Protein backbone atom coordinates (compact mmCIF):
# COMPACT_ATOMS: atom_id res chain seq x y z
CA MET A 1 10.80 32.05 -21.52
CA THR A 2 11.08 28.58 -19.59
CA ASP A 3 12.92 27.88 -16.40
CA PRO A 4 15.37 26.02 -16.99
CA GLU A 5 15.43 24.84 -13.09
CA ALA A 6 11.63 23.71 -14.07
CA ASP A 7 13.05 21.36 -17.02
CA VAL A 8 15.80 19.42 -14.81
CA LEU A 9 13.51 18.52 -11.71
CA GLU A 10 10.46 17.49 -14.04
CA GLY A 11 13.51 14.99 -16.04
CA VAL A 12 14.29 13.65 -13.09
CA VAL A 13 10.58 13.03 -12.43
CA ILE A 14 10.16 11.28 -15.56
CA LEU A 15 13.65 8.80 -15.36
CA ARG A 16 12.49 7.98 -11.99
CA GLN A 17 8.76 6.98 -12.80
CA ASP A 18 10.70 5.05 -16.40
CA ARG A 19 12.89 3.42 -13.48
CA GLN A 20 10.29 1.91 -11.10
CA LEU A 21 8.47 1.28 -13.92
CA ALA A 22 11.27 -0.74 -15.51
CA VAL A 23 11.76 -2.64 -12.60
CA LEU A 24 7.74 -3.46 -11.45
CA GLN A 25 8.16 -5.12 -15.30
CA GLN A 26 10.70 -6.78 -14.66
CA THR A 27 10.29 -8.06 -10.75
CA TYR A 28 6.48 -8.76 -11.97
CA PRO A 29 6.93 -10.10 -15.69
CA GLY A 30 2.92 -12.13 -15.36
CA TRP A 31 1.70 -8.92 -15.31
CA HIS A 32 1.16 -5.80 -17.89
CA ILE A 33 2.30 -3.12 -15.48
CA THR A 34 1.65 0.96 -16.66
CA HIS A 35 1.83 4.10 -15.64
CA ASP A 36 -0.53 7.53 -16.45
CA PRO A 37 1.86 10.60 -15.44
CA LEU A 38 -1.29 12.41 -16.34
CA LEU A 39 -3.30 11.13 -13.97
CA GLY A 40 -1.03 9.47 -11.56
CA HIS A 41 -1.98 6.19 -11.19
CA TRP A 42 0.13 3.01 -12.19
CA ALA A 43 -1.78 0.30 -13.18
CA ALA A 44 -1.61 -3.56 -13.82
CA ILE A 45 -3.26 -6.54 -15.54
CA ARG A 46 -2.88 -9.94 -15.21
CA ARG A 47 -1.58 -11.82 -18.45
CA ALA A 48 -2.33 -14.72 -17.97
CA PRO A 49 -6.45 -15.18 -17.09
CA LEU A 50 -8.00 -16.55 -13.71
CA THR A 51 -9.04 -19.61 -12.87
CA SER A 52 -12.24 -20.36 -10.86
CA ARG A 53 -10.06 -20.93 -8.38
CA GLU A 54 -8.15 -18.23 -7.95
CA LYS A 55 -11.30 -16.14 -8.63
CA GLU A 56 -12.42 -17.48 -5.82
CA GLY A 57 -9.60 -17.10 -3.22
CA GLY A 58 -9.19 -13.39 -4.05
CA VAL A 59 -6.94 -13.21 -6.86
CA LYS A 60 -7.28 -9.55 -8.79
CA TYR A 61 -7.11 -9.55 -12.89
CA THR A 62 -6.28 -5.89 -12.56
CA ILE A 63 -5.16 -3.46 -9.66
CA THR A 64 -4.23 0.04 -9.46
CA HIS A 65 -2.59 2.15 -7.36
CA PRO A 66 -1.63 6.13 -6.95
CA ALA A 67 2.02 5.00 -5.70
CA PRO A 68 4.32 2.55 -7.63
CA GLU A 69 5.34 1.18 -3.91
CA ALA A 70 1.97 0.46 -3.36
CA LEU A 71 1.53 -1.50 -6.57
CA SER A 72 4.28 -3.71 -5.73
CA SER A 73 3.19 -4.42 -2.32
CA ALA A 74 -0.19 -5.32 -3.82
CA LEU A 75 1.55 -7.41 -6.32
CA ALA A 76 3.45 -8.87 -4.40
CA CYS A 77 0.18 -10.18 -1.98
CA GLN A 78 -1.27 -11.18 -5.24
CA VAL A 79 1.51 -13.27 -6.46
CA GLU A 80 1.26 -15.33 -3.03
CA LEU A 81 -1.73 -15.39 -3.27
CA ALA A 82 -1.92 -16.86 -6.49
CA HIS A 83 -0.02 -19.26 -5.89
CA THR A 84 -1.89 -20.51 -3.16
CA TYR A 85 -4.65 -20.74 -5.57
CA ARG A 86 -2.57 -22.47 -8.92
CA PRO A 87 -4.01 -25.51 -10.07
CA ARG A 88 -3.20 -28.56 -8.84
CA HIS A 89 -1.34 -30.90 -10.51
CA ARG A 90 -2.27 -34.77 -10.20
CA SER A 91 0.47 -37.17 -9.69
């Protein structure tokens, strides 16, 4: 027999993680974001290939963190960094 409270608590955790994943995906559409509940890893893979300038500037293609808050912070830094090293348009 299983403990009904354990099932409810497990469901709450899953719902929170699903909500966090949805928020990350909506906030950073340029990244494919996943969560592995078994390993507890949060990962982001950039959808667009990196330019040479971005690579030289330290922009990453993949990022992993154990917590969604850390991944969000890292993605915010990457978005700002990518903006700095985006291709320049000639006028």
